[in-house]
Protein backbone atom coordinates (compact mmCIF):
# COMPACT_ATOMS: atom_id res chain seq x y z
CA MET A 1 24.98 -4.90 -36.37
CA ASN A 2 26.09 -8.01 -35.51
CA SER A 3 24.39 -11.00 -34.15
CA GLU A 4 25.08 -10.27 -30.68
CA SER A 5 23.95 -6.70 -30.64
CA THR A 6 20.74 -7.69 -32.68
CA SER A 7 19.42 -10.26 -29.88
CA ASN A 8 20.03 -7.42 -27.26
CA TYR A 9 17.75 -5.44 -29.32
CA GLU A 10 15.38 -7.86 -30.04
CA ARG A 11 15.00 -8.72 -26.49
CA LEU A 12 15.06 -4.96 -25.46
CA HIS A 13 12.11 -4.40 -28.16
CA THR A 14 10.07 -7.62 -26.58
CA ALA A 15 10.58 -6.36 -22.95
CA VAL A 16 9.10 -2.64 -23.80
CA GLU A 17 6.42 -4.41 -26.03
CA ALA A 18 5.27 -6.64 -23.19
CA ALA A 19 5.52 -3.57 -20.66
CA GLY A 20 3.06 -1.81 -22.70
CA ILE A 21 5.07 0.92 -23.69
CA GLY A 22 4.83 2.14 -27.26
CA THR A 23 8.31 3.71 -29.02
CA TRP A 24 8.87 6.30 -31.57
CA ASP A 25 11.94 7.34 -33.85
CA LEU A 26 11.85 10.33 -35.67
CA ASN A 27 14.69 10.89 -38.50
CA LEU A 28 15.25 14.75 -38.32
CA LEU A 29 17.35 14.92 -41.51
CA THR A 30 14.70 12.98 -44.00
CA GLY A 31 11.59 13.57 -41.66
CA GLU A 32 10.74 9.83 -41.56
CA LEU A 33 8.47 8.64 -38.56
CA LEU A 34 8.61 5.36 -37.33
CA TRP A 35 6.42 4.18 -34.45
CA SER A 36 5.72 0.76 -33.03
CA ASP A 37 2.60 -1.04 -32.88
CA ARG A 38 1.70 -0.14 -29.13
CA CYS A 39 2.37 3.50 -30.03
CA LYS A 40 0.06 3.29 -33.20
CA GLU A 41 -2.29 1.88 -30.96
CA LEU A 42 -2.62 4.44 -28.37
CA PHE A 43 -3.22 6.72 -31.22
CA GLY A 44 -6.17 4.51 -32.47
CA LEU A 45 -4.66 2.99 -35.13
CA PRO A 46 -4.22 -0.14 -36.91
CA PRO A 47 -0.40 -1.52 -37.27
CA THR A 48 -0.30 -1.22 -40.84
CA ALA A 49 -0.89 2.74 -40.84
CA THR A 50 1.62 4.62 -41.97
CA VAL A 51 2.55 8.22 -39.67
CA ASP A 52 4.10 11.64 -39.80
CA TYR A 53 4.37 14.50 -37.80
CA ALA A 54 1.36 16.23 -39.11
CA ARG A 55 -0.74 12.85 -38.32
CA PHE A 56 0.85 12.84 -34.79
CA LEU A 57 -0.44 16.24 -34.39
CA ALA A 58 -3.86 15.43 -35.96
CA GLY A 59 -4.12 12.56 -33.28
CA LEU A 60 -3.96 14.84 -30.13
CA HIS A 61 -6.66 16.45 -28.24
CA PRO A 62 -7.31 20.14 -29.73
CA ASP A 63 -6.69 21.36 -26.48
CA ASP A 64 -3.48 19.98 -26.14
CA ARG A 65 -1.71 20.21 -29.76
CA ALA A 66 -0.52 23.84 -29.44
CA ARG A 67 0.96 23.10 -26.27
CA THR A 68 2.66 19.86 -27.22
CA ASP A 69 4.05 21.06 -30.62
CA ALA A 70 5.89 24.01 -28.09
CA VAL A 71 7.20 21.63 -26.08
CA VAL A 72 8.72 19.32 -29.06
CA ALA A 73 10.39 22.54 -30.37
CA GLN A 74 11.97 23.14 -27.35
CA ALA A 75 13.33 20.15 -27.37
CA LEU A 76 14.68 20.47 -30.86
CA ASP A 77 16.13 23.70 -29.93
CA PRO A 78 20.12 23.05 -29.43
CA ALA A 79 20.07 25.60 -26.77
CA GLY A 80 18.13 23.66 -24.59
CA THR A 81 18.60 20.28 -22.94
CA GLY A 82 17.20 18.10 -25.76
CA GLU A 83 15.14 16.30 -23.06
CA TYR A 84 11.33 15.41 -23.67
CA ASP A 85 8.72 14.83 -21.15
CA ILE A 86 4.55 15.61 -20.89
CA GLU A 87 1.34 14.63 -20.73
CA TYR A 88 -1.47 15.08 -23.22
CA ARG A 89 -4.23 13.28 -24.59
CA THR A 90 -5.14 11.35 -27.86
CA VAL A 91 -8.20 11.46 -29.55
CA GLY A 92 -8.32 7.89 -31.60
CA LEU A 93 -7.34 8.37 -35.16
CA GLU A 94 -9.17 5.17 -36.54
CA ASP A 95 -11.18 3.71 -33.22
CA GLY A 96 -14.16 6.00 -32.99
CA GLY A 97 -12.41 8.68 -31.26
CA ARG A 98 -11.45 7.12 -27.90
CA LEU A 99 -9.68 9.42 -25.33
CA ARG A 100 -6.58 8.63 -23.89
CA TRP A 101 -4.11 10.00 -21.49
CA VAL A 102 -0.67 9.20 -22.41
CA ARG A 103 3.10 10.25 -20.83
CA ALA A 104 5.55 10.86 -23.81
CA THR A 105 9.06 10.82 -22.80
CA GLY A 106 11.95 11.29 -25.37
CA ARG A 107 15.66 12.66 -26.03
CA VAL A 108 16.93 14.81 -28.68
CA PHE A 109 20.63 13.86 -30.53
CA PHE A 110 22.30 16.78 -32.04
CA ASN A 111 25.54 16.76 -34.22
CA GLU A 112 28.81 16.89 -32.49
CA ASP A 113 28.97 20.84 -32.39
CA ARG A 114 25.37 21.03 -31.25
CA THR A 115 24.13 23.06 -33.92
CA GLN A 116 21.55 20.67 -35.69
CA ALA A 117 19.17 17.82 -34.33
CA LEU A 118 19.57 14.77 -36.21
CA ARG A 119 17.38 12.27 -34.34
CA PHE A 120 14.34 11.94 -32.06
CA ILE A 121 13.74 8.96 -29.96
CA GLY A 122 11.17 8.22 -27.16
CA THR A 123 8.56 6.10 -25.54
CA ILE A 124 4.78 6.63 -24.72
CA THR A 125 2.90 5.14 -22.16
CA ASP A 126 -0.76 5.03 -21.30
CA ILE A 127 -1.59 6.59 -17.81
CA THR A 128 -5.43 6.83 -18.44
CA GLU A 129 -6.51 4.92 -15.58
CA ALA A 130 -4.04 6.85 -13.05
CA LYS A 131 -5.65 9.77 -14.48
CA ARG A 132 -9.00 8.49 -13.84
CA ARG A 133 -8.28 7.59 -10.03
CA SER A 134 -6.63 11.20 -9.65
CA LEU A 135 -10.07 12.58 -11.16
CA HIS A 136 -11.90 10.46 -8.78
CA LEU A 137 -9.79 11.73 -5.99
CA GLN A 138 -9.96 15.23 -6.86
CA ARG A 139 -13.71 15.00 -7.16
CA LEU A 140 -14.07 13.50 -3.45
CA LEU A 141 -11.67 16.10 -1.93
CA GLU A 142 -13.91 18.70 -3.46
CA SER A 143 -17.20 17.04 -2.11
CA ASP A 144 -19.59 18.42 0.15
CA VAL A 145 -20.86 15.30 1.09
CA ILE A 146 -18.05 13.19 2.34
CA GLY A 147 -14.98 14.28 4.40
CA VAL A 148 -11.59 13.24 2.81
CA LEU A 149 -8.38 13.72 5.66
CA PHE A 150 -4.95 12.87 5.18
CA TRP A 151 -2.87 11.57 8.30
CA ASP A 152 0.11 10.67 10.21
CA LEU A 153 0.02 7.49 12.45
CA ASN A 154 3.19 8.37 14.73
CA SER A 155 2.00 12.05 15.67
CA SER A 156 -1.61 11.91 15.25
CA ARG A 157 -2.02 15.07 13.11
CA VAL A 158 -4.30 15.38 10.42
CA LEU A 159 -2.00 16.52 7.29
CA ASP A 160 -4.43 18.08 5.09
CA ALA A 161 -8.61 17.91 4.63
CA ASN A 162 -11.26 19.01 2.45
CA ASP A 163 -13.46 21.81 3.44
CA GLN A 164 -16.29 19.29 4.38
CA TYR A 165 -14.13 17.30 6.98
CA LEU A 166 -13.11 20.84 8.39
CA ARG A 167 -16.96 21.85 9.00
CA LEU A 168 -17.60 18.43 10.32
CA ILE A 169 -14.97 18.99 12.95
CA GLY A 170 -15.35 22.69 13.50
CA TYR A 171 -11.91 23.51 12.61
CA THR A 172 -10.46 26.38 10.03
CA ARG A 173 -8.00 25.56 7.13
CA GLU A 174 -5.38 28.26 9.02
CA GLU A 175 -5.65 25.60 12.24
CA LEU A 176 -4.92 22.68 10.12
CA GLN A 177 -1.74 24.23 8.32
CA ALA A 178 -0.67 25.05 11.64
CA GLY A 179 -0.84 21.64 12.71
CA LEU A 180 -3.78 22.02 15.48
CA VAL A 181 -6.04 19.36 14.31
CA ASP A 182 -5.09 16.07 16.28
CA TRP A 183 -7.32 13.03 15.81
CA ARG A 184 -6.44 11.65 19.04
CA ALA A 185 -8.12 14.90 20.76
CA LEU A 186 -11.12 14.24 19.23
CA THR A 187 -11.36 10.88 19.95
CA PRO A 188 -13.51 10.14 23.35
CA PRO A 189 -11.70 8.26 25.99
CA GLU A 190 -13.67 5.29 25.76
CA GLY A 191 -13.01 5.43 22.07
CA MET A 192 -9.52 4.92 22.67
CA ALA A 193 -9.31 1.04 22.58
CA GLU A 194 -11.01 0.71 19.46
CA GLU A 195 -8.68 3.19 17.89
CA GLU A 196 -5.69 1.43 18.64
CA ARG A 197 -7.00 -1.76 17.46
CA ILE A 198 -7.68 -0.14 14.07
CA ILE A 199 -3.78 1.63 14.15
CA ALA A 200 -2.81 -2.04 14.55
CA GLU A 201 -4.62 -3.11 11.90
CA LEU A 202 -3.67 -0.21 9.64
CA ARG A 203 0.03 -1.66 10.46
CA ARG A 204 -0.83 -5.00 9.76
CA THR A 205 -2.36 -4.85 6.59
CA GLY A 206 -1.92 -1.42 5.23
CA THR A 207 -6.11 -1.01 5.33
CA HIS A 208 -9.05 -0.63 8.27
CA ARG A 209 -12.11 -1.83 8.21
CA PRO A 210 -15.04 0.58 7.89
CA PHE A 211 -15.80 1.45 11.39
CA GLU A 212 -18.39 3.83 13.67
CA LYS A 213 -16.78 6.45 16.11
CA GLU A 214 -17.80 9.73 17.53
CA TYR A 215 -15.65 12.94 17.51
CA VAL A 216 -15.97 15.31 20.59
CA LEU A 217 -15.76 19.11 18.76
CA ARG A 218 -14.64 21.84 21.04
CA ASP A 219 -18.07 22.98 22.27
CA GLY A 220 -18.74 19.41 23.73
CA ARG A 221 -20.66 18.51 21.60
CA ARG A 222 -20.43 14.84 20.01
CA VAL A 223 -20.76 13.99 16.18
CA PRO A 224 -21.22 10.22 15.03
CA VAL A 225 -19.21 9.25 11.69
CA LEU A 226 -18.22 6.43 9.60
CA LEU A 227 -14.76 6.13 8.49
CA ALA A 228 -12.75 4.01 6.31
CA GLY A 229 -9.17 4.58 5.08
CA SER A 230 -5.43 2.65 4.20
CA LEU A 231 -1.70 3.94 4.35
CA LEU A 232 -0.63 5.65 1.41
CA GLU A 233 2.43 3.09 0.97
CA PRO A 234 2.90 -0.24 2.75
CA GLY A 235 4.95 0.26 6.03
CA GLY A 236 4.74 3.90 6.05
CA THR A 237 2.92 6.42 8.70
CA GLU A 238 0.87 8.39 6.50
CA GLY A 239 -2.66 7.43 5.08
CA VAL A 240 -6.19 8.98 3.89
CA SER A 241 -9.45 8.31 5.34
CA PHE A 242 -13.00 8.95 4.10
CA CYS A 243 -15.35 10.03 6.64
CA LEU A 244 -19.17 9.87 6.70
CA ASP A 245 -21.01 12.27 8.92
CA SER A 246 -23.69 9.54 10.33
CA SER A 247 -25.79 12.28 12.14
CA GLU A 248 -26.41 13.90 8.61
CA GLN A 249 -27.03 10.52 6.80
CA LYS A 250 -29.66 9.63 9.09
CA SER A 251 -31.30 12.99 8.68
CA THR A 252 -32.49 12.96 5.40
CA ALA A 253 -33.35 11.07 2.49
CA ALA A 254 -32.03 13.04 0.32
CA ARG A 255 -27.98 13.40 1.71
CA LEU A 256 -27.97 9.59 2.48
CA ALA A 257 -28.73 8.84 -1.17
CA ALA A 258 -25.79 11.63 -1.79
CA SER A 259 -23.80 9.76 0.63
CA GLU A 260 -24.37 6.28 -0.80
CA GLN A 261 -23.13 7.62 -4.07
CA GLU A 262 -20.14 9.35 -2.65
CA PHE A 263 -19.37 5.94 -0.64
CA ARG A 264 -19.50 4.12 -4.09
CA MET A 265 -16.75 6.28 -5.38
CA VAL A 266 -14.77 5.65 -2.14
CA THR A 267 -15.06 1.92 -2.87
CA GLU A 268 -13.75 2.35 -6.58
CA TYR A 269 -10.64 4.01 -4.58
CA ILE A 270 -9.61 2.10 -1.85
CA PRO A 271 -7.45 -0.63 -2.80
CA GLN A 272 -9.56 -3.89 -1.75
CA LEU A 273 -12.52 -5.94 -3.06
CA VAL A 274 -15.44 -4.32 -1.62
CA TRP A 275 -19.24 -6.27 -1.17
CA LEU A 276 -22.53 -5.39 0.51
CA THR A 277 -25.18 -8.09 1.40
CA ASP A 278 -28.53 -8.22 2.67
CA PRO A 279 -29.42 -9.32 6.22
CA THR A 280 -29.81 -12.73 4.95
CA GLY A 281 -26.12 -12.89 3.65
CA PHE A 282 -27.45 -12.61 -0.20
CA HIS A 283 -24.90 -10.60 -1.80
CA THR A 284 -26.05 -6.94 -3.51
CA TYR A 285 -23.06 -5.34 -4.95
CA PHE A 286 -19.23 -5.48 -5.73
CA ASN A 287 -17.02 -2.98 -6.68
CA GLN A 288 -15.04 -2.70 -10.16
CA ARG A 289 -11.92 -4.56 -8.22
CA TRP A 290 -13.75 -7.03 -8.11
CA ILE A 291 -14.86 -7.60 -11.36
CA ASP A 292 -11.05 -6.91 -12.41
CA PHE A 293 -9.76 -9.80 -10.02
CA THR A 294 -12.73 -12.43 -10.52
CA GLY A 295 -13.69 -11.85 -14.42
CA TYR A 296 -17.14 -11.72 -13.01
CA THR A 297 -19.48 -9.33 -14.32
CA LEU A 298 -21.57 -7.60 -11.76
CA LYS A 299 -24.61 -9.50 -12.53
CA ASP A 300 -22.48 -12.71 -12.50
CA SER A 301 -21.30 -11.62 -9.09
CA ILE A 302 -25.12 -11.28 -7.29
CA GLY A 303 -26.29 -13.90 -5.21
CA SER A 304 -25.06 -16.36 -2.91
CA ASP A 305 -23.96 -19.58 -4.36
CA MET A 306 -21.29 -17.42 -6.62
CA TRP A 307 -19.23 -16.77 -3.61
CA ASN A 308 -18.26 -20.14 -2.74
CA ASN A 309 -17.67 -20.81 -6.67
CA LEU A 310 -14.66 -18.96 -6.35
CA LEU A 311 -13.08 -20.16 -3.05
CA HIS A 312 -10.78 -22.51 -3.21
CA PRO A 313 -12.15 -25.90 -2.63
CA ASP A 314 -10.04 -26.32 0.94
CA ASP A 315 -11.52 -23.43 2.03
CA ARG A 316 -15.24 -23.62 1.57
CA GLN A 317 -16.43 -25.55 4.50
CA ARG A 318 -14.75 -23.35 7.04
CA ALA A 319 -15.81 -20.14 4.92
CA ARG A 320 -19.56 -20.83 5.04
CA GLN A 321 -19.22 -21.76 8.95
CA ARG A 322 -17.98 -18.51 9.90
CA TRP A 323 -19.89 -16.71 7.70
CA GLY A 324 -22.83 -18.24 9.02
CA HIS A 325 -22.13 -17.59 12.51
CA SER A 326 -21.79 -14.06 11.75
CA LEU A 327 -25.04 -13.81 9.99
CA ALA A 328 -26.93 -15.96 13.31
CA THR A 329 -24.91 -13.72 15.71
CA GLY A 330 -24.11 -10.39 14.32
CA GLU A 331 -20.67 -10.73 15.29
CA PHE A 332 -17.26 -9.11 13.14
CA TYR A 333 -16.66 -11.64 10.33
CA GLU A 334 -13.14 -11.91 9.77
CA ILE A 335 -11.40 -15.11 7.77
CA GLU A 336 -8.26 -15.58 6.05
CA TYR A 337 -9.09 -17.46 2.71
CA ARG A 338 -7.59 -18.21 -1.23
CA PHE A 339 -9.70 -16.56 -3.98
CA LYS A 340 -9.76 -17.67 -7.66
CA ALA A 341 -8.45 -15.15 -10.01
CA LYS A 342 -9.83 -14.95 -13.92
CA ASP A 343 -6.81 -16.53 -14.83
CA ASP A 344 -7.54 -19.56 -12.14
CA SER A 345 -4.48 -19.07 -10.22
CA TYR A 346 -5.61 -18.60 -6.38
CA ARG A 347 -4.43 -15.78 -4.10
CA TRP A 348 -4.81 -15.43 -0.22
CA PHE A 349 -7.10 -12.59 1.24
CA LEU A 350 -8.29 -11.17 4.51
CA GLY A 351 -12.21 -11.19 4.47
CA GLN A 352 -13.59 -8.84 6.68
CA ALA A 353 -17.31 -7.63 7.13
CA LEU A 354 -19.26 -5.27 9.71
CA PRO A 355 -23.12 -5.42 10.11
CA VAL A 356 -24.80 -2.07 9.31
CA ARG A 357 -27.81 -1.59 11.82
CA ASP A 358 -30.80 0.87 11.69
CA GLU A 359 -31.94 3.07 14.43
CA ALA A 360 -33.60 -0.01 16.29
CA GLY A 361 -30.35 -2.28 16.26
CA TYR A 362 -31.57 -4.44 13.29
CA ILE A 363 -29.16 -4.88 10.76
CA VAL A 364 -30.07 -3.68 7.52
CA LYS A 365 -26.70 -4.86 5.43
CA TRP A 366 -23.28 -6.34 5.64
CA PHE A 367 -20.39 -4.17 4.50
CA GLY A 368 -17.42 -6.58 3.27
CA THR A 369 -13.57 -6.20 2.22
CA CYS A 370 -11.46 -8.57 0.90
CA THR A 371 -7.74 -7.38 1.51
CA ASP A 372 -4.76 -9.02 -0.65
CA ILE A 373 -2.34 -10.83 2.15
CA HIS A 374 -0.92 -13.24 -0.34
CA ASP A 375 2.33 -11.82 -0.28
CA GLN A 376 2.05 -11.79 3.32
CA LYS A 377 0.99 -15.67 3.22
CA LEU A 378 3.91 -16.75 1.35
CA GLN A 379 6.39 -15.07 3.93
CA GLU A 380 4.55 -16.87 6.70
CA PHE A 381 4.81 -19.92 4.96
CA ALA A 382 8.36 -19.75 4.54
CA LEU A 383 9.07 -18.53 7.81
CA ARG A 384 7.15 -21.77 9.09
CA GLU A 385 9.02 -23.95 6.61
CA ARG A 386 12.34 -22.08 8.09
CA GLU A 387 10.94 -22.95 11.77
CA ALA A 388 10.35 -26.63 10.97
CA GLU A 389 13.78 -26.83 9.41
CA PHE A 390 15.32 -25.34 12.44
CA MET A 391 13.44 -27.71 14.74
CA THR A 392 14.33 -30.93 12.80
CA LEU A 393 18.27 -30.01 12.85
CA ALA A 394 17.86 -28.72 16.59
CA ASN A 395 15.93 -31.77 17.69
CA ALA A 396 18.86 -34.19 15.57
CA ILE A 397 21.79 -32.78 17.18
CA PRO A 398 23.18 -34.77 20.09
CA GLN A 399 23.17 -31.73 22.43
CA LEU A 400 20.38 -30.43 24.65
CA ALA A 401 19.30 -27.43 23.16
CA TRP A 402 17.76 -24.03 24.13
CA MET A 403 17.09 -20.28 23.63
CA ALA A 404 16.38 -17.37 26.04
CA ASP A 405 15.17 -13.57 25.53
CA GLU A 406 17.10 -10.79 25.85
CA THR A 407 17.13 -10.99 29.63
CA GLY A 408 17.90 -14.73 29.63
CA SER A 409 14.83 -16.22 30.19
CA ILE A 410 14.57 -19.53 28.38
CA PHE A 411 11.50 -19.88 26.20
CA TRP A 412 12.20 -22.97 24.21
CA TYR A 413 14.20 -26.40 24.65
CA ASN A 414 14.97 -29.11 21.99
CA ASP A 415 13.00 -32.72 22.35
CA ARG A 416 16.13 -33.97 23.94
CA TRP A 417 16.36 -31.57 26.93
CA PHE A 418 12.81 -33.01 27.78
CA ARG A 419 13.76 -36.57 27.06
CA PHE A 420 17.06 -36.04 29.62
CA THR A 421 15.16 -34.24 32.18
CA GLY A 422 11.81 -35.64 32.04
CA THR A 423 10.50 -32.29 32.68
CA THR A 424 7.83 -29.79 30.10
CA LEU A 425 8.20 -26.54 28.99
CA ASP A 426 5.86 -25.05 31.68
CA GLN A 427 7.82 -26.34 34.41
CA MET A 428 11.29 -25.21 32.60
CA ARG A 429 9.97 -21.69 31.15
CA GLY A 430 11.98 -18.90 32.45
CA TRP A 431 14.81 -19.64 35.08
CA GLY A 432 12.83 -23.01 35.80
CA TRP A 433 15.71 -24.84 34.76
CA GLN A 434 17.61 -24.45 38.21
CA GLN A 435 15.16 -27.31 39.28
CA VAL A 436 17.17 -30.01 37.54
CA HIS A 437 20.85 -28.46 38.71
CA ASP A 438 23.21 -30.04 41.45
CA PRO A 439 22.27 -27.65 44.87
CA ASN A 440 25.90 -27.20 45.16
CA HIS A 441 26.41 -25.52 41.95
CA VAL A 442 23.09 -23.86 40.93
CA GLU A 443 24.08 -20.54 42.71
CA ARG A 444 27.58 -20.18 40.90
CA VAL A 445 26.11 -21.49 37.43
CA THR A 446 22.92 -18.64 37.92
CA GLU A 447 25.52 -15.81 39.17
CA GLY A 448 27.63 -16.75 35.96
CA PHE A 449 24.88 -16.84 33.52
CA ARG A 450 23.18 -13.66 34.85
CA ALA A 451 26.82 -11.76 34.98
CA ALA A 452 26.97 -12.79 31.10
CA VAL A 453 23.50 -11.52 29.66
CA ALA A 454 24.15 -8.39 31.74
CA SER A 455 27.60 -7.48 29.53
CA GLY A 456 26.53 -9.46 26.49
CA GLU A 457 29.64 -11.77 26.07
CA LYS A 458 29.71 -15.42 25.53
CA TRP A 459 29.19 -17.90 28.23
CA GLU A 460 30.70 -21.14 29.22
CA ASP A 461 30.34 -22.85 32.10
CA THR A 462 30.55 -26.94 33.35
CA PHE A 463 27.98 -28.45 35.56
CA PRO A 464 26.04 -31.53 36.45
CA LEU A 465 22.29 -31.77 35.31
CA ARG A 466 19.48 -34.15 36.86
CA ARG A 467 18.57 -36.97 34.77
CA HIS A 468 14.81 -38.21 34.70
CA ASP A 469 16.18 -41.25 36.92
CA GLY A 470 17.87 -39.03 39.81
CA GLU A 471 21.20 -39.24 38.47
CA TYR A 472 23.55 -36.51 37.75
CA ARG A 473 25.71 -36.03 34.60
CA TRP A 474 28.21 -33.59 34.11
CA PHE A 475 27.53 -31.01 30.84
CA LEU A 476 29.77 -28.44 29.34
CA SER A 477 27.36 -25.44 28.66
CA ARG A 478 27.64 -22.77 26.26
CA ALA A 479 25.34 -19.96 24.77
CA LEU A 480 25.83 -17.15 22.39
CA PRO A 481 24.08 -13.79 22.16
CA VAL A 482 21.98 -12.98 18.75
CA HIS A 483 22.35 -9.23 17.93
CA ASN A 484 19.52 -6.87 15.79
CA GLU A 485 20.75 -5.07 13.03
CA ALA A 486 21.36 -2.03 15.68
CA GLY A 487 23.73 -4.32 17.28
CA GLN A 488 21.31 -5.15 20.35
CA VAL A 489 21.06 -8.35 21.99
CA VAL A 490 17.38 -9.75 21.02
CA ARG A 491 17.81 -13.70 22.32
CA TRP A 492 20.69 -16.34 23.48
CA CYS A 493 21.28 -19.34 21.86
CA GLY A 494 22.91 -22.19 24.20
CA THR A 495 23.80 -26.16 24.32
CA ASN A 496 24.75 -28.44 26.84
CA THR A 497 27.23 -31.30 25.60
CA ASP A 498 27.44 -34.30 27.85
CA VAL A 499 31.17 -34.64 29.15
CA THR A 500 30.36 -37.06 31.93
CA GLU A 501 32.97 -39.91 30.26
CA GLN A 502 35.31 -37.02 29.86
CA LYS A 503 35.00 -35.46 33.16
CA GLN A 504 35.32 -39.06 34.75
CA LEU A 505 38.29 -39.89 32.57
CA GLN A 506 39.93 -36.69 33.78
CA ASP A 507 39.26 -37.39 37.48
CA GLN A 508 41.33 -41.22 36.61
CA LEU A 509 43.92 -39.16 35.60
CA GLU A 510 44.29 -36.98 38.01
CA ARG A 511 43.94 -39.97 40.59
CA ALA A 512 46.84 -42.11 38.75
CA TYR A 513 48.84 -38.71 38.71
CA SER A 514 48.22 -38.09 42.38
CA ASP A 515 49.43 -41.80 42.65
CA LEU A 516 52.50 -41.75 40.66
CA GLU A 517 53.55 -38.42 42.52
CA ALA A 518 53.07 -40.29 46.02
CA LYS A 519 54.96 -43.53 44.81
CA VAL A 520 57.90 -41.20 43.18
CA MET A 521 57.97 -39.38 46.92
CA PHE A 522 58.52 -42.73 48.75
CA ARG A 523 61.28 -43.97 46.10
CA THR A 524 62.78 -40.76 46.34
CA LEU A 525 62.88 -41.15 50.39
CA ASP A 526 63.95 -44.63 50.31
CA LEU A 527 67.09 -43.47 48.01
CA GLU A 528 67.96 -40.85 50.33
CA ARG A 529 68.31 -43.08 53.10
CA GLU A 530 70.10 -45.83 51.09
CA VAL A 531 72.63 -43.06 50.25
CA GLN A 532 73.21 -41.90 53.67
CA GLU A 533 73.72 -45.27 54.76
CA LEU A 534 76.29 -45.66 51.81
CA ARG A 535 78.43 -42.86 52.97
CA ARG A 536 77.99 -43.89 56.78
CA ARG A 537 79.77 -47.28 55.80
CA LEU A 538 82.62 -45.70 53.77
CA GLY A 539 83.13 -43.36 56.62
CA GLU A 540 84.12 -45.86 58.77
């Protein structure tokens, strides 16, 4: 292996190790089995441990050994594809029997006539956390305490649900599979405005805050529920919600306790930092995602001072004021702020909290979430920077500049326009620019611009505009349409260039040309008279 190949191999090995992926290499001719340190770690072995195929099988969960051995044999069969892909459990040979779920993938290399397997190479990845979350979700789906539903925003259909949710709304699984369950149809008319706000929040952040609503059943009865959910994929239309029957929660203490336990499971599943406080704002609970992000244990996180210690210094006073206002008034709490991670970096979050009230209307606790919006904020800052750069450029050019929407209604002018005309944006917005046009030209100019907007073609015209001191100056005006990806006009960008001096020079040239033509004509007439007089004399 040359130096370049060695370097490439080392870089690849480093990248694989950094990604937490283990590698293995089995020489089928010698029986030598090589494992990376990460591979040994996933079997509970130290880096110095020696391994062979027998020890590999010993490190598998007893229920997975025969199945895994069969999949290996199938991969080694020259009549097969040589591909290897399986999930199994390891039992931690030397770390106390720690159970891990892993996924192993690999490929067998055969001799040229494909009669004998020579080498077996592959990777191994830890999927324990994914399996744990999948198990939690399965338990939620099988739960008889909390309803779970999968839905589509565009069609408003409930795509799938567990039995508890179907019992709650009074539908059968056959009706669900036939596409007859529509969550909009279950919502009373007075609840649609709140529903639309929740949908807008889902499309904006990918999740929605827990909220209370009522379902209207087919027999006319109403069932109060508490809903929380999120989109399955950012920017998608399908998502999952967890539905708690509020009427049953209030009916018995036993079901309340069970619902609380199920609700805690929900908070571990949703992709947000979740917290609870008592009515005074004293924090009493944080979910595991909070602990993973901040590095604070649950014990360290309980209390009031800790919260502000994790906030960015520039956000603390604002957050205290906003939170204090919500505690005093019971109003919905919402704020964007930066939280410190356990690696001392800061990320932007959308903090939201909703008061939970008892039957008498008193607040008994606050339920809050922190949604990571760091990437969206960075995009927002970048957009603001680009807008600032554009404004600087637009205000630096020597022309008057403006932008209009797809209908031709102007919504922005650069500073030079306002300095020249002495007007304000409120006066000029829309078609207000007609106020500073010469009355003798404004109708013609307006008709020409409207025609360009209707056709989507670029526009150009020359006309006078009134300056702030009442003097009119001539401008050459141009506008170009801006299209979206679908080819539709979304706005117009235009400029007005002062051509008064050029216009005056043109007028002077035209007058000088007219004077010259007159002089030539008179001189020609004089010459004709002189010629006629000469002919007359010669004739005598």
